[in-house]
Amino acid sequence: MALSVFLAVVVESLFSVLVHLEAINWYKKSSLQGYGVASNNLAGMLLAGCDRTSASTFEADKLFRIAREQGFLHAPQSSDYL
């Protein structure tokens, strides 16, 4: 019983990682095509560490700036969001 619960948790965790990585991939593609919402959401995902690396405030700040330049005016203007 305990093994099956453990395996279920591992599978769910791996699935979650794959979903996040797929979302990051699509947000990157959309951001490169000029979609400000995608740039903003990608920055948020990177801040949250959804790419399984440490949170990157430098990269997030850059993406938030790009999102504003792309017309998404709701993106944070400084790193005060942390």
PDB file of N, CA and C in Angstrom:
ATOM      1  N   MET A   1       0.822  -1.189   0.000  1.00  0.00           N
ATOM      2  CA  MET A   1       0.000   0.000   0.000  1.00  0.00           C
ATOM      3  C   MET A   1       0.872   1.262   0.000  1.00  0.00           C
ATOM      4  N   ALA A   2       1.867   1.307   0.870  1.00  0.00           N
ATOM      5  CA  ALA A   2       2.725   2.486   0.970  1.00  0.00           C
ATOM      6  C   ALA A   2       3.512   2.693  -0.324  1.00  0.00           C
ATOM      7  N   LEU A   3       3.927   1.614  -0.946  1.00  0.00           N
ATOM      8  CA  LEU A   3       4.672   1.728  -2.196  1.00  0.00           C
ATOM      9  C   LEU A   3       3.803   2.312  -3.303  1.00  0.00           C
ATOM     10  N   SER A   4       2.557   1.884  -3.366  1.00  0.00           N
ATOM     11  CA  SER A   4       1.671   2.403  -4.411  1.00  0.00           C
ATOM     12  C   SER A   4       1.384   3.885  -4.195  1.00  0.00           C
ATOM     13  N   VAL A   5       1.267   4.322  -2.955  1.00  0.00           N
ATOM     14  CA  VAL A   5       1.058   5.743  -2.660  1.00  0.00           C
ATOM     15  C   VAL A   5       2.309   6.529  -3.048  1.00  0.00           C
ATOM     16  N   PHE A   6       3.471   5.993  -2.705  1.00  0.00           N
ATOM     17  CA  PHE A   6       4.729   6.640  -3.065  1.00  0.00           C
ATOM     18  C   PHE A   6       4.853   6.786  -4.580  1.00  0.00           C
ATOM     19  N   LEU A   7       4.576   5.725  -5.321  1.00  0.00           N
ATOM     20  CA  LEU A   7       4.666   5.763  -6.775  1.00  0.00           C
ATOM     21  C   LEU A   7       3.659   6.757  -7.370  1.00  0.00           C
ATOM     22  N   ALA A   8       2.483   6.830  -6.798  1.00  0.00           N
ATOM     23  CA  ALA A   8       1.473   7.781  -7.277  1.00  0.00           C
ATOM     24  C   ALA A   8       1.955   9.214  -7.096  1.00  0.00           C
ATOM     25  N   VAL A   9       2.593   9.489  -5.968  1.00  0.00           N
ATOM     26  CA  VAL A   9       3.118  10.830  -5.704  1.00  0.00           C
ATOM     27  C   VAL A   9       4.250  11.159  -6.676  1.00  0.00           C
ATOM     28  N   VAL A  10       5.124  10.205  -6.932  1.00  0.00           N
ATOM     29  CA  VAL A  10       6.235  10.416  -7.858  1.00  0.00           C
ATOM     30  C   VAL A  10       5.708  10.683  -9.264  1.00  0.00           C
ATOM     31  N   VAL A  11       4.761   9.892  -9.715  1.00  0.00           N
ATOM     32  CA  VAL A  11       4.196  10.070 -11.056  1.00  0.00           C
ATOM     33  C   VAL A  11       3.507  11.422 -11.160  1.00  0.00           C
ATOM     34  N   GLU A  12       2.746  11.795 -10.149  1.00  0.00           N
ATOM     35  CA  GLU A  12       2.069  13.099 -10.158  1.00  0.00           C
ATOM     36  C   GLU A  12       3.079  14.241 -10.196  1.00  0.00           C
ATOM     37  N   SER A  13       4.150  14.117  -9.445  1.00  0.00           N
ATOM     38  CA  SER A  13       5.188  15.146  -9.424  1.00  0.00           C
ATOM     39  C   SER A  13       5.871  15.267 -10.789  1.00  0.00           C
ATOM     40  N   LEU A  14       6.201  14.149 -11.404  1.00  0.00           N
ATOM     41  CA  LEU A  14       6.826  14.169 -12.728  1.00  0.00           C
ATOM     42  C   LEU A  14       5.891  14.769 -13.765  1.00  0.00           C
ATOM     43  N   PHE A  15       4.619  14.439 -13.685  1.00  0.00           N
ATOM     44  CA  PHE A  15       3.636  14.999 -14.608  1.00  0.00           C
ATOM     45  C   PHE A  15       3.563  16.509 -14.448  1.00  0.00           C
ATOM     46  N   SER A  16       3.578  16.979 -13.213  1.00  0.00           N
ATOM     47  CA  SER A  16       3.526  18.416 -12.942  1.00  0.00           C
ATOM     48  C   SER A  16       4.743  19.125 -13.537  1.00  0.00           C
ATOM     49  N   VAL A  17       5.905  18.538 -13.388  1.00  0.00           N
ATOM     50  CA  VAL A  17       7.122  19.122 -13.951  1.00  0.00           C
ATOM     51  C   VAL A  17       7.017  19.203 -15.472  1.00  0.00           C
ATOM     52  N   LEU A  18       6.549  18.140 -16.096  1.00  0.00           N
ATOM     53  CA  LEU A  18       6.413  18.129 -17.553  1.00  0.00           C
ATOM     54  C   LEU A  18       5.420  19.179 -18.028  1.00  0.00           C
ATOM     55  N   VAL A  19       4.329  19.352 -17.310  1.00  0.00           N
ATOM     56  CA  VAL A  19       3.331  20.358 -17.681  1.00  0.00           C
ATOM     57  C   VAL A  19       3.934  21.749 -17.587  1.00  0.00           C
ATOM     58  N   HIS A  20       4.673  22.013 -16.504  1.00  0.00           N
ATOM     59  CA  HIS A  20       5.302  23.324 -16.348  1.00  0.00           C
ATOM     60  C   HIS A  20       6.336  23.576 -17.447  1.00  0.00           C
ATOM     61  N   LEU A  21       7.135  22.580 -17.750  1.00  0.00           N
ATOM     62  CA  LEU A  21       8.149  22.755 -18.794  1.00  0.00           C
ATOM     63  C   LEU A  21       7.510  22.980 -20.156  1.00  0.00           C
ATOM     64  N   GLU A  22       6.409  22.309 -20.420  1.00  0.00           N
ATOM     65  CA  GLU A  22       5.695  22.511 -21.680  1.00  0.00           C
ATOM     66  C   GLU A  22       5.105  23.921 -21.737  1.00  0.00           C
ATOM     67  N   ALA A  23       4.542  24.385 -20.631  1.00  0.00           N
ATOM     68  CA  ALA A  23       3.999  25.748 -20.579  1.00  0.00           C
ATOM     69  C   ALA A  23       5.104  26.772 -20.803  1.00  0.00           C
ATOM     70  N   ILE A  24       6.247  26.576 -20.170  1.00  0.00           N
ATOM     71  CA  ILE A  24       7.378  27.491 -20.345  1.00  0.00           C
ATOM     72  C   ILE A  24       7.799  27.530 -21.808  1.00  0.00           C
ATOM     73  N   ASN A  25       7.842  26.369 -22.444  1.00  0.00           N
ATOM     74  CA  ASN A  25       8.212  26.293 -23.855  1.00  0.00           C
ATOM     75  C   ASN A  25       7.257  27.128 -24.712  1.00  0.00           C
ATOM     76  N   TRP A  26       5.960  26.980 -24.494  1.00  0.00           N
ATOM     77  CA  TRP A  26       4.982  27.730 -25.290  1.00  0.00           C
ATOM     78  C   TRP A  26       5.016  29.220 -24.966  1.00  0.00           C
ATOM     79  N   TYR A  27       5.211  29.575 -23.695  1.00  0.00           N
ATOM     80  CA  TYR A  27       5.318  30.992 -23.338  1.00  0.00           C
ATOM     81  C   TYR A  27       6.539  31.629 -24.005  1.00  0.00           C
ATOM     82  N   LYS A  28       7.653  30.895 -24.078  1.00  0.00           N
ATOM     83  CA  LYS A  28       8.844  31.421 -24.753  1.00  0.00           C
ATOM     84  C   LYS A  28       8.560  31.692 -26.222  1.00  0.00           C
ATOM     85  N   LYS A  29       7.913  30.741 -26.891  1.00  0.00           N
ATOM     86  CA  LYS A  29       7.580  30.914 -28.303  1.00  0.00           C
ATOM     87  C   LYS A  29       6.658  32.123 -28.494  1.00  0.00           C
ATOM     88  N   SER A  30       5.649  32.240 -27.639  1.00  0.00           N
ATOM     89  CA  SER A  30       4.701  33.353 -27.759  1.00  0.00           C
ATOM     90  C   SER A  30       5.360  34.680 -27.442  1.00  0.00           C
ATOM     91  N   SER A  31       6.235  34.684 -26.452  1.00  0.00           N
ATOM     92  CA  SER A  31       6.946  35.906 -26.087  1.00  0.00           C
ATOM     93  C   SER A  31       7.794  36.400 -27.255  1.00  0.00           C
ATOM     94  N   LEU A  32       8.471  35.488 -27.919  1.00  0.00           N
ATOM     95  CA  LEU A  32       9.304  35.849 -29.069  1.00  0.00           C
ATOM     96  C   LEU A  32       8.474  36.397 -30.228  1.00  0.00           C
ATOM     97  N   GLN A  33       7.202  36.033 -30.262  1.00  0.00           N
ATOM     98  CA  GLN A  33       6.316  36.526 -31.319  1.00  0.00           C
ATOM     99  C   GLN A  33       5.632  37.839 -30.930  1.00  0.00           C
ATOM    100  N   GLY A  34       5.940  38.360 -29.729  1.00  0.00           N
ATOM    101  CA  GLY A  34       5.451  39.672 -29.351  1.00  0.00           C
ATOM    102  C   GLY A  34       4.252  39.709 -28.431  1.00  0.00           C
ATOM    103  N   TYR A  35       3.895  38.608 -27.828  1.00  0.00           N
ATOM    104  CA  TYR A  35       2.737  38.574 -26.936  1.00  0.00           C
ATOM    105  C   TYR A  35       3.155  38.942 -25.507  1.00  0.00           C
ATOM    106  N   GLY A  36       2.739  40.133 -25.075  1.00  0.00           N
ATOM    107  CA  GLY A  36       3.123  40.640 -23.770  1.00  0.00           C
ATOM    108  C   GLY A  36       2.625  39.806 -22.612  1.00  0.00           C
ATOM    109  N   VAL A  37       1.418  39.259 -22.727  1.00  0.00           N
ATOM    110  CA  VAL A  37       0.883  38.418 -21.652  1.00  0.00           C
ATOM    111  C   VAL A  37       1.770  37.190 -21.472  1.00  0.00           C
ATOM    112  N   ALA A  38       2.240  36.625 -22.574  1.00  0.00           N
ATOM    113  CA  ALA A  38       3.115  35.455 -22.492  1.00  0.00           C
ATOM    114  C   ALA A  38       4.434  35.811 -21.816  1.00  0.00           C
ATOM    115  N   SER A  39       4.989  36.976 -22.149  1.00  0.00           N
ATOM    116  CA  SER A  39       6.241  37.410 -21.515  1.00  0.00           C
ATOM    117  C   SER A  39       6.042  37.594 -20.017  1.00  0.00           C
ATOM    118  N   ASN A  40       4.918  38.189 -19.640  1.00  0.00           N
ATOM    119  CA  ASN A  40       4.606  38.398 -18.234  1.00  0.00           C
ATOM    120  C   ASN A  40       4.453  37.064 -17.502  1.00  0.00           C
ATOM    121  N   ASN A  41       3.702  36.136 -18.098  1.00  0.00           N
ATOM    122  CA  ASN A  41       3.471  34.843 -17.454  1.00  0.00           C
ATOM    123  C   ASN A  41       4.748  34.018 -17.363  1.00  0.00           C
ATOM    124  N   LEU A  42       5.574  34.116 -18.384  1.00  0.00           N
ATOM    125  CA  LEU A  42       6.861  33.415 -18.350  1.00  0.00           C
ATOM    126  C   LEU A  42       7.729  33.959 -17.222  1.00  0.00           C
ATOM    127  N   ALA A  43       7.740  35.269 -17.060  1.00  0.00           N
ATOM    128  CA  ALA A  43       8.508  35.870 -15.962  1.00  0.00           C
ATOM    129  C   ALA A  43       8.010  35.348 -14.615  1.00  0.00           C
ATOM    130  N   GLY A  44       6.711  35.277 -14.454  1.00  0.00           N
ATOM    131  CA  GLY A  44       6.150  34.760 -13.203  1.00  0.00           C
ATOM    132  C   GLY A  44       6.517  33.316 -12.950  1.00  0.00           C
ATOM    133  N   MET A  45       6.498  32.511 -13.993  1.00  0.00           N
ATOM    134  CA  MET A  45       6.864  31.100 -13.836  1.00  0.00           C
ATOM    135  C   MET A  45       8.337  30.957 -13.467  1.00  0.00           C
ATOM    136  N   LEU A  46       9.198  31.781 -14.071  1.00  0.00           N
ATOM    137  CA  LEU A  46      10.622  31.710 -13.743  1.00  0.00           C
ATOM    138  C   LEU A  46      10.865  32.166 -12.308  1.00  0.00           C
ATOM    139  N   LEU A  47      10.126  33.188 -11.875  1.00  0.00           N
ATOM    140  CA  LEU A  47      10.261  33.642 -10.486  1.00  0.00           C
ATOM    141  C   LEU A  47       9.852  32.557  -9.496  1.00  0.00           C
ATOM    142  N   ALA A  48       8.843  31.801  -9.866  1.00  0.00           N
ATOM    143  CA  ALA A  48       8.349  30.742  -8.985  1.00  0.00           C
ATOM    144  C   ALA A  48       9.213  29.487  -9.039  1.00  0.00           C
ATOM    145  N   GLY A  49      10.190  29.473  -9.954  1.00  0.00           N
ATOM    146  CA  GLY A  49      11.068  28.310 -10.059  1.00  0.00           C
ATOM    147  C   GLY A  49      10.423  27.148 -10.783  1.00  0.00           C
ATOM    148  N   CYS A  50       9.429  27.418 -11.613  1.00  0.00           N
ATOM    149  CA  CYS A  50       8.727  26.344 -12.324  1.00  0.00           C
ATOM    150  C   CYS A  50       9.588  25.648 -13.356  1.00  0.00           C
ATOM    151  N   ASP A  51      10.724  26.258 -13.702  1.00  0.00           N
ATOM    152  CA  ASP A  51      11.630  25.614 -14.657  1.00  0.00           C
ATOM    153  C   ASP A  51      12.621  24.702 -13.947  1.00  0.00           C
ATOM    154  N   ARG A  52      12.403  24.492 -12.643  1.00  0.00           N
ATOM    155  CA  ARG A  52      13.221  23.611 -11.798  1.00  0.00           C
ATOM    156  C   ARG A  52      14.644  24.132 -11.610  1.00  0.00           C
ATOM    157  N   THR A  53      14.829  25.431 -11.785  1.00  0.00           N
ATOM    158  CA  THR A  53      16.088  26.067 -11.435  1.00  0.00           C
ATOM    159  C   THR A  53      15.775  27.088 -10.350  1.00  0.00           C
ATOM    160  N   SER A  54      16.783  27.703  -9.814  1.00  0.00           N
ATOM    161  CA  SER A  54      16.519  28.716  -8.801  1.00  0.00           C
ATOM    162  C   SER A  54      15.852  29.918  -9.459  1.00  0.00           C
ATOM    163  N   ALA A  55      15.026  30.593  -8.710  1.00  0.00           N
ATOM    164  CA  ALA A  55      14.287  31.745  -9.230  1.00  0.00           C
ATOM    165  C   ALA A  55      15.263  32.796  -9.752  1.00  0.00           C
ATOM    166  N   SER A  56      14.979  33.298 -10.928  1.00  0.00           N
ATOM    167  CA  SER A  56      15.866  34.257 -11.575  1.00  0.00           C
ATOM    168  C   SER A  56      15.200  35.625 -11.616  1.00  0.00           C
ATOM    169  N   THR A  57      15.565  36.493 -10.680  1.00  0.00           N
ATOM    170  CA  THR A  57      14.970  37.827 -10.672  1.00  0.00           C
ATOM    171  C   THR A  57      15.492  38.653 -11.836  1.00  0.00           C
ATOM    172  N   PHE A  58      16.739  38.439 -12.238  1.00  0.00           N
ATOM    173  CA  PHE A  58      17.294  39.182 -13.372  1.00  0.00           C
ATOM    174  C   PHE A  58      16.517  38.870 -14.651  1.00  0.00           C
ATOM    175  N   GLU A  59      16.313  37.597 -14.912  1.00  0.00           N
ATOM    176  CA  GLU A  59      15.582  37.189 -16.116  1.00  0.00           C
ATOM    177  C   GLU A  59      14.124  37.632 -16.037  1.00  0.00           C
ATOM    178  N   ALA A  60      13.533  37.532 -14.853  1.00  0.00           N
ATOM    179  CA  ALA A  60      12.136  37.959 -14.683  1.00  0.00           C
ATOM    180  C   ALA A  60      11.999  39.458 -14.922  1.00  0.00           C
ATOM    181  N   ASP A  61      12.907  40.262 -14.374  1.00  0.00           N
ATOM    182  CA  ASP A  61      12.868  41.707 -14.607  1.00  0.00           C
ATOM    183  C   ASP A  61      12.953  42.015 -16.100  1.00  0.00           C
ATOM    184  N   LYS A  62      13.826  41.303 -16.786  1.00  0.00           N
ATOM    185  CA  LYS A  62      13.983  41.501 -18.225  1.00  0.00           C
ATOM    186  C   LYS A  62      12.687  41.160 -18.960  1.00  0.00           C
ATOM    187  N   LEU A  63      12.064  40.050 -18.586  1.00  0.00           N
ATOM    188  CA  LEU A  63      10.829  39.638 -19.240  1.00  0.00           C
ATOM    189  C   LEU A  63       9.664  40.573 -18.896  1.00  0.00           C
ATOM    190  N   PHE A  64       9.616  41.065 -17.655  1.00  0.00           N
ATOM    191  CA  PHE A  64       8.565  42.024 -17.297  1.00  0.00           C
ATOM    192  C   PHE A  64       8.733  43.312 -18.118  1.00  0.00           C
ATOM    193  N   ARG A  65       9.970  43.746 -18.321  1.00  0.00           N
ATOM    194  CA  ARG A  65      10.226  44.931 -19.143  1.00  0.00           C
ATOM    195  C   ARG A  65       9.778  44.679 -20.578  1.00  0.00           C
ATOM    196  N   ILE A  66      10.103  43.514 -21.096  1.00  0.00           N
ATOM    197  CA  ILE A  66       9.698  43.151 -22.456  1.00  0.00           C
ATOM    198  C   ILE A  66       8.174  43.114 -22.559  1.00  0.00           C
ATOM    199  N   ALA A  67       7.522  42.572 -21.535  1.00  0.00           N
ATOM    200  CA  ALA A  67       6.052  42.507 -21.542  1.00  0.00           C
ATOM    201  C   ALA A  67       5.449  43.905 -21.623  1.00  0.00           C
ATOM    202  N   ARG A  68       6.017  44.857 -20.867  1.00  0.00           N
ATOM    203  CA  ARG A  68       5.515  46.239 -20.933  1.00  0.00           C
ATOM    204  C   ARG A  68       5.759  46.830 -22.319  1.00  0.00           C
ATOM    205  N   GLU A  69       6.922  46.560 -22.889  1.00  0.00           N
ATOM    206  CA  GLU A  69       7.227  47.046 -24.236  1.00  0.00           C
ATOM    207  C   GLU A  69       6.292  46.438 -25.279  1.00  0.00           C
ATOM    208  N   GLN A  70       5.817  45.230 -25.003  1.00  0.00           N
ATOM    209  CA  GLN A  70       4.900  44.561 -25.922  1.00  0.00           C
ATOM    210  C   GLN A  70       3.448  44.992 -25.697  1.00  0.00           C
ATOM    211  N   GLY A  71       3.235  45.902 -24.754  1.00  0.00           N
ATOM    212  CA  GLY A  71       1.897  46.441 -24.538  1.00  0.00           C
ATOM    213  C   GLY A  71       1.159  45.905 -23.339  1.00  0.00           C
ATOM    214  N   PHE A  72       1.769  44.999 -22.567  1.00  0.00           N
ATOM    215  CA  PHE A  72       1.112  44.473 -21.373  1.00  0.00           C
ATOM    216  C   PHE A  72       1.475  45.383 -20.199  1.00  0.00           C
ATOM    217  N   LEU A  73       0.629  46.353 -19.934  1.00  0.00           N
ATOM    218  CA  LEU A  73       0.946  47.402 -18.969  1.00  0.00           C
ATOM    219  C   LEU A  73       0.774  46.980 -17.518  1.00  0.00           C
ATOM    220  N   HIS A  74       0.256  45.778 -17.268  1.00  0.00           N
ATOM    221  CA  HIS A  74       0.065  45.305 -15.894  1.00  0.00           C
ATOM    222  C   HIS A  74       1.311  44.637 -15.319  1.00  0.00           C
ATOM    223  N   ALA A  75       2.341  44.486 -16.116  1.00  0.00           N
ATOM    224  CA  ALA A  75       3.572  43.846 -15.650  1.00  0.00           C
ATOM    225  C   ALA A  75       4.248  44.729 -14.601  1.00  0.00           C
ATOM    226  N   PRO A  76       4.818  44.126 -13.558  1.00  0.00           N
ATOM    227  CA  PRO A  76       5.512  44.912 -12.529  1.00  0.00           C
ATOM    228  C   PRO A  76       6.629  45.765 -13.139  1.00  0.00           C
ATOM    229  N   GLN A  77       6.841  46.947 -12.554  1.00  0.00           N
ATOM    230  CA  GLN A  77       7.867  47.850 -13.079  1.00  0.00           C
ATOM    231  C   GLN A  77       9.172  47.782 -12.303  1.00  0.00           C
ATOM    232  N   SER A  78       9.174  47.105 -11.192  1.00  0.00           N
ATOM    233  CA  SER A  78      10.401  46.967 -10.405  1.00  0.00           C
ATOM    234  C   SER A  78      10.409  45.619  -9.727  1.00  0.00           C
ATOM    235  N   SER A  79      11.503  45.314  -9.079  1.00  0.00           N
ATOM    236  CA  SER A  79      11.598  44.017  -8.393  1.00  0.00           C
ATOM    237  C   SER A  79      10.961  44.063  -7.003  1.00  0.00           C
ATOM    238  N   ASP A  80      10.080  45.029  -6.780  1.00  0.00           N
ATOM    239  CA  ASP A  80       9.373  45.108  -5.505  1.00  0.00           C
ATOM    240  C   ASP A  80       8.319  44.012  -5.347  1.00  0.00           C
ATOM    241  N   TYR A  81       8.126  43.193  -6.370  1.00  0.00           N
ATOM    242  CA  TYR A  81       7.116  42.140  -6.316  1.00  0.00           C
ATOM    243  C   TYR A  81       7.536  41.002  -5.426  1.00  0.00           C
ATOM    244  N   LEU A  82       8.791  40.974  -5.016  1.00  0.00           N
ATOM    245  CA  LEU A  82       9.266  39.864  -4.180  1.00  0.00           C
ATOM    246  C   LEU A  82       9.014  40.092  -2.728  1.00  0.00           C
TER     247      LEU A  82
END
